[in-house]
């Protein structure tokens, strides 16, 4: 591999841990918060509405008031409600919520929320392709060489197709870190957490590109990185994401896919530890 450019010392940022599917099931307050969250997102409670009093919620859900109080704090942290002494918990506009809500917007009534999926993919494309541009402008030789090693694996005919998603995720993680932009990385963590699930792997099985396609995409990105061309790198990464996006949205709209055994959003969201 050729010389990339001037060397500088990389300052890695530890990634924000993502919740594993192997973690313990949700606590009672988390389950209560999940139920109330879904009721808010379904429109049962609208912006400005006051939620029932703690004692009323406790009686309806057959739980103690302490669990309800903690659940309301969880919703407040999500930005879905505001809590004021003497006024109780009032629902806020969903536009005011935190990024942590994104993963919950993707699933409604055990199904993928297509409009939300489109918006999540919009942001993901902008974040990752923009991070790739910054990576070429700011990244160290070591970081870009690491990216090239991953690109080589993608273009290697010996790499099993089932390994492609993990390699691509590593590639985008390296580029995001090399962008030296903490906010970009935190946003990618939030969006990536919404997309990183067994559901994503089910999608991949149906929208997986051909070996020729993945090889050409990897080579295009590699050429741009070697040339230290930020615009070409951004466009090559965007092309890779866009091709997958088109296939993914087509699969989501396909009735045969929605009824396929591997498509079980209720199971998958509950595996993540969040009630459906």
Protein backbone atom coordinates (compact mmCIF):
# COMPACT_ATOMS: atom_id res chain seq x y z
CA UNK A 1 0.00 0.00 0.00
CA UNK A 2 1.25 3.45 -0.85
CA UNK A 3 2.05 6.40 1.34
CA UNK A 4 -1.10 8.03 2.69
CA UNK A 5 0.11 11.41 3.88
CA UNK A 6 1.61 13.30 6.81
CA UNK A 7 1.67 11.36 10.06
CA UNK A 8 0.13 12.65 13.25
CA UNK A 9 -0.66 11.07 16.58
CA UNK A 10 -4.22 9.73 16.72
CA UNK A 11 -6.33 10.53 19.76
CA UNK A 12 -8.81 7.66 19.96
CA UNK A 13 -12.17 8.20 21.64
CA UNK A 14 -13.61 5.26 23.51
CA UNK A 15 -16.91 4.24 21.90
CA UNK A 16 -20.09 4.63 23.90
CA UNK A 17 -21.16 1.14 25.01
CA UNK A 18 -24.23 -0.21 23.26
CA UNK A 19 -26.76 -2.25 25.15
CA UNK A 20 -26.22 -5.92 24.45
CA UNK A 21 -29.00 -8.31 23.59
CA UNK A 22 -27.49 -10.57 26.24
CA UNK A 23 -28.09 -8.14 29.12
CA UNK A 24 -30.69 -8.74 31.81
CA UNK A 25 -34.37 -8.21 30.98
CA UNK A 26 -35.81 -4.74 31.67
CA UNK A 27 -36.55 -3.77 35.23
CA UNK A 28 -40.11 -3.03 36.31
CA UNK A 29 -39.64 0.76 35.97
CA UNK A 30 -38.16 0.23 32.48
CA UNK A 31 -41.13 -1.93 31.48
CA UNK A 32 -43.57 0.67 32.78
CA UNK A 33 -41.67 3.44 30.99
CA UNK A 34 -41.74 1.38 27.79
CA UNK A 35 -45.50 0.95 28.00
CA UNK A 36 -46.11 4.65 28.66
CA UNK A 37 -43.62 5.59 25.94
CA UNK A 38 -45.50 3.51 23.40
CA UNK A 39 -48.82 5.03 24.49
CA UNK A 40 -47.36 8.50 23.95
CA UNK A 41 -45.92 7.60 20.54
CA UNK A 42 -49.21 6.00 19.48
CA UNK A 43 -51.05 9.27 20.20
CA UNK A 44 -52.97 8.14 23.29
CA UNK A 45 -51.34 11.04 25.10
CA UNK A 46 -50.56 14.14 23.04
CA UNK A 47 -48.17 17.04 23.56
CA UNK A 48 -49.40 19.14 26.47
CA UNK A 49 -51.48 16.35 28.00
CA UNK A 50 -50.92 15.53 31.63
CA UNK A 51 -50.31 11.88 32.37
CA UNK A 52 -52.48 10.25 35.04
CA UNK A 53 -51.32 10.73 38.63
CA UNK A 54 -48.76 8.29 40.02
CA UNK A 55 -51.35 6.55 42.19
CA UNK A 56 -53.73 6.14 39.23
CA UNK A 57 -50.99 4.71 37.03
CA UNK A 58 -49.90 2.39 39.84
CA UNK A 59 -53.45 1.10 40.28
CA UNK A 60 -54.00 0.64 36.53
CA UNK A 61 -50.70 -1.17 35.99
CA UNK A 62 -50.86 -3.02 39.33
CA UNK A 63 -47.44 -1.83 40.46
CA UNK A 64 -46.17 0.30 43.33
CA UNK A 65 -45.88 4.08 43.11
CA UNK A 66 -42.09 3.99 43.49
CA UNK A 67 -41.80 2.02 40.23
CA UNK A 68 -44.11 4.48 38.49
CA UNK A 69 -42.10 7.43 39.80
CA UNK A 70 -38.88 5.91 38.46
CA UNK A 71 -40.56 5.15 35.12
CA UNK A 72 -41.60 8.80 34.80
CA UNK A 73 -37.99 9.84 35.43
CA UNK A 74 -36.92 7.56 32.57
CA UNK A 75 -39.44 9.26 30.29
CA UNK A 76 -38.16 12.64 31.44
CA UNK A 77 -34.61 11.61 30.52
CA UNK A 78 -35.89 10.60 27.08
CA UNK A 79 -37.36 14.09 26.74
CA UNK A 80 -40.90 12.74 26.33
CA UNK A 81 -42.32 14.34 29.47
CA UNK A 82 -41.57 17.26 31.75
CA UNK A 83 -42.18 16.88 35.48
CA UNK A 84 -43.02 19.83 37.69
CA UNK A 85 -44.04 19.78 41.35
CA UNK A 86 -47.77 20.24 41.66
CA UNK A 87 -48.34 19.77 37.92
CA UNK A 88 -47.33 16.14 37.47
CA UNK A 89 -45.88 14.81 34.23
CA UNK A 90 -46.84 16.53 30.97
CA UNK A 91 -46.13 15.15 27.52
CA UNK A 92 -43.66 17.12 25.39
CA UNK A 93 -43.50 17.36 21.61
CA UNK A 94 -41.63 14.37 20.21
CA UNK A 95 -39.34 16.79 18.34
CA UNK A 96 -37.96 17.82 21.75
CA UNK A 97 -36.99 14.27 22.75
CA UNK A 98 -33.44 12.94 22.96
CA UNK A 99 -31.64 10.80 20.39
CA UNK A 100 -32.25 7.78 22.61
CA UNK A 101 -35.83 7.77 21.35
CA UNK A 102 -34.76 6.92 17.79
CA UNK A 103 -34.62 3.16 18.30
CA UNK A 104 -38.13 3.18 19.74
CA UNK A 105 -39.52 5.18 16.82
CA UNK A 106 -38.38 2.44 14.45
CA UNK A 107 -40.81 -0.12 15.87
CA UNK A 108 -44.54 0.44 16.30
CA UNK A 109 -46.96 -2.33 17.23
CA UNK A 110 -44.37 -4.97 16.44
CA UNK A 111 -43.71 -3.57 12.96
CA UNK A 112 -41.04 -1.40 11.43
CA UNK A 113 -42.20 2.21 11.14
CA UNK A 114 -41.28 2.90 7.50
CA UNK A 115 -41.33 6.75 7.65
CA UNK A 116 -39.06 6.62 10.70
CA UNK A 117 -36.77 4.12 8.97
CA UNK A 118 -36.41 6.48 6.00
CA UNK A 119 -35.46 9.36 8.29
CA UNK A 120 -32.99 7.26 10.28
CA UNK A 121 -31.31 6.11 7.07
CA UNK A 122 -31.19 9.74 5.85
CA UNK A 123 -29.25 10.77 8.95
CA UNK A 124 -27.05 7.68 8.93
CA UNK A 125 -26.02 8.35 5.33
CA UNK A 126 -25.16 11.98 6.07
CA UNK A 127 -23.27 11.16 9.27
CA UNK A 128 -21.12 8.33 7.93
CA UNK A 129 -20.32 9.85 4.54
CA UNK A 130 -19.55 13.18 6.21
CA UNK A 131 -17.35 11.44 8.77
CA UNK A 132 -15.48 9.71 5.92
CA UNK A 133 -14.73 13.10 4.37
CA UNK A 134 -13.42 14.45 7.67
CA UNK A 135 -11.41 11.26 8.21
CA UNK A 136 -9.45 11.83 5.01
CA UNK A 137 -8.88 15.48 5.94
CA UNK A 138 -7.90 14.85 9.57
CA UNK A 139 -7.08 11.18 10.04
CA UNK A 140 -3.64 9.86 10.89
CA UNK A 141 -1.72 7.48 8.64
CA UNK A 142 -2.40 4.63 11.08
CA UNK A 143 -6.14 5.26 11.03
CA UNK A 144 -6.35 5.42 7.26
CA UNK A 145 -4.14 2.35 6.86
CA UNK A 146 -6.49 0.51 9.20
CA UNK A 147 -9.41 1.60 7.01
CA UNK A 148 -7.57 0.33 3.94
CA UNK A 149 -6.95 -3.03 5.58
CA UNK A 150 -10.68 -3.39 6.16
CA UNK A 151 -11.38 -2.35 2.57
CA UNK A 152 -8.95 -5.01 1.39
CA UNK A 153 -10.89 -7.62 3.35
CA UNK A 154 -14.10 -6.50 1.67
CA UNK A 155 -12.51 -6.85 -1.75
CA UNK A 156 -10.96 -10.20 -0.92
CA UNK A 157 -12.82 -13.07 -2.53
CA UNK A 158 -11.82 -15.27 0.42
CA UNK A 159 -13.92 -13.21 2.88
CA UNK A 160 -17.26 -14.89 3.61
CA UNK A 161 -20.33 -12.76 2.72
CA UNK A 162 -21.71 -13.18 6.23
CA UNK A 163 -18.61 -11.34 7.50
CA UNK A 164 -19.21 -8.29 5.31
CA UNK A 165 -21.62 -6.45 7.69
CA UNK A 166 -19.16 -6.65 10.59
CA UNK A 167 -16.27 -5.43 8.44
CA UNK A 168 -18.32 -2.54 7.07
CA UNK A 169 -19.33 -1.55 10.60
CA UNK A 170 -15.67 -1.61 11.67
CA UNK A 171 -14.75 0.49 8.62
CA UNK A 172 -17.33 3.15 9.44
CA UNK A 173 -16.28 3.12 13.10
CA UNK A 174 -12.64 3.72 12.12
CA UNK A 175 -13.62 6.57 9.82
CA UNK A 176 -15.88 8.13 12.42
CA UNK A 177 -13.08 8.03 15.00
CA UNK A 178 -10.62 9.48 12.47
CA UNK A 179 -12.99 12.41 11.84
CA UNK A 180 -11.92 13.78 15.25
CA UNK A 181 -15.46 15.02 15.83
CA UNK A 182 -16.95 13.83 19.11
CA UNK A 183 -20.46 15.01 18.27
CA UNK A 184 -20.46 13.09 14.98
CA UNK A 185 -19.30 9.99 16.81
CA UNK A 186 -21.94 10.29 19.54
CA UNK A 187 -24.67 10.78 16.95
CA UNK A 188 -23.46 7.74 15.01
CA UNK A 189 -23.53 5.72 18.24
CA UNK A 190 -27.18 6.66 18.76
CA UNK A 191 -28.20 5.98 15.15
CA UNK A 192 -26.08 2.85 14.98
CA UNK A 193 -27.73 1.49 18.12
CA UNK A 194 -31.09 1.87 16.41
CA UNK A 195 -29.90 -0.04 13.36
CA UNK A 196 -27.68 -2.63 15.06
CA UNK A 197 -29.99 -5.53 15.91
CA UNK A 198 -30.81 -9.00 14.76
CA UNK A 199 -33.37 -7.29 12.54
CA UNK A 200 -30.51 -5.60 10.71
CA UNK A 201 -28.90 -8.98 10.10
CA UNK A 202 -32.21 -10.30 8.74
CA UNK A 203 -32.29 -7.34 6.37
CA UNK A 204 -28.72 -8.02 5.29
CA UNK A 205 -29.59 -11.56 4.22
CA UNK A 206 -32.16 -10.18 1.79
CA UNK A 207 -30.36 -7.05 0.56
CA UNK A 208 -26.80 -8.40 0.47
CA UNK A 209 -25.01 -7.15 -2.66
CA UNK A 210 -23.09 -9.36 -5.03
CA UNK A 211 -19.39 -10.01 -4.50
CA UNK A 212 -18.63 -7.90 -7.57
CA UNK A 213 -20.63 -4.96 -6.19
CA UNK A 214 -18.97 -5.03 -2.76
CA UNK A 215 -15.54 -5.37 -4.39
CA UNK A 216 -16.09 -2.33 -6.65
CA UNK A 217 -17.45 -0.25 -3.78
CA UNK A 218 -14.44 -1.12 -1.61
CA UNK A 219 -12.00 -0.32 -4.41
CA UNK A 220 -13.66 3.05 -5.09
CA UNK A 221 -13.35 4.04 -1.43
CA UNK A 222 -9.76 2.81 -1.27
CA UNK A 223 -8.74 4.83 -4.35
CA UNK A 224 -10.21 7.97 -2.82
CA UNK A 225 -8.50 7.37 0.54
CA UNK A 226 -5.10 6.78 -1.10
CA UNK A 227 -5.52 10.00 -3.08
CA UNK A 228 -6.46 11.86 0.11
CA UNK A 229 -9.49 13.14 -1.77
CA UNK A 230 -12.17 14.03 0.81
CA UNK A 231 -14.91 14.69 -1.75
CA UNK A 232 -14.34 11.43 -3.62
CA UNK A 233 -14.19 9.50 -0.32
CA UNK A 234 -17.46 11.02 0.84
CA UNK A 235 -19.18 10.18 -2.44
CA UNK A 236 -17.81 6.62 -2.53
CA UNK A 237 -18.99 5.91 1.01
CA UNK A 238 -22.33 7.53 0.25
CA UNK A 239 -22.71 5.31 -2.83
CA UNK A 240 -22.09 2.21 -0.70
CA UNK A 241 -24.69 3.25 1.88
CA UNK A 242 -27.19 4.45 -0.75
CA UNK A 243 -27.11 1.15 -2.63
CA UNK A 244 -27.93 -0.73 0.58
CA UNK A 245 -30.57 1.85 1.51
CA UNK A 246 -32.43 1.37 -1.78
CA UNK A 247 -32.49 -2.40 -1.34
CA UNK A 248 -33.47 -2.14 2.31
CA UNK A 249 -36.44 0.17 1.75
CA UNK A 250 -37.63 -1.98 -1.13
CA UNK A 251 -37.51 -5.01 1.18
CA UNK A 252 -39.42 -3.16 3.91
CA UNK A 253 -42.19 -2.33 1.45
CA UNK A 254 -42.37 -5.91 0.14
CA UNK A 255 -45.38 -7.75 1.65
CA UNK A 256 -43.57 -11.09 1.25
CA UNK A 257 -40.69 -9.79 3.39
CA UNK A 258 -43.03 -8.49 6.09
CA UNK A 259 -44.60 -11.93 6.44
CA UNK A 260 -41.28 -13.82 6.36
CA UNK A 261 -40.38 -15.88 9.47
CA UNK A 262 -37.20 -13.86 10.13
CA UNK A 263 -39.21 -10.62 10.24
CA UNK A 264 -40.40 -10.50 13.85
CA UNK A 265 -39.96 -6.97 15.16
CA UNK A 266 -41.75 -7.72 18.42
CA UNK A 267 -39.30 -10.53 19.23
CA UNK A 268 -36.31 -8.47 18.23
CA UNK A 269 -37.20 -5.36 20.18
CA UNK A 270 -37.89 -7.40 23.30
CA UNK A 271 -34.51 -9.14 22.88
CA UNK A 272 -32.91 -5.73 23.04
CA UNK A 273 -34.44 -5.31 26.51
CA UNK A 274 -37.09 -2.78 25.57
CA UNK A 275 -40.75 -3.78 25.74
CA UNK A 276 -42.48 -3.75 22.35
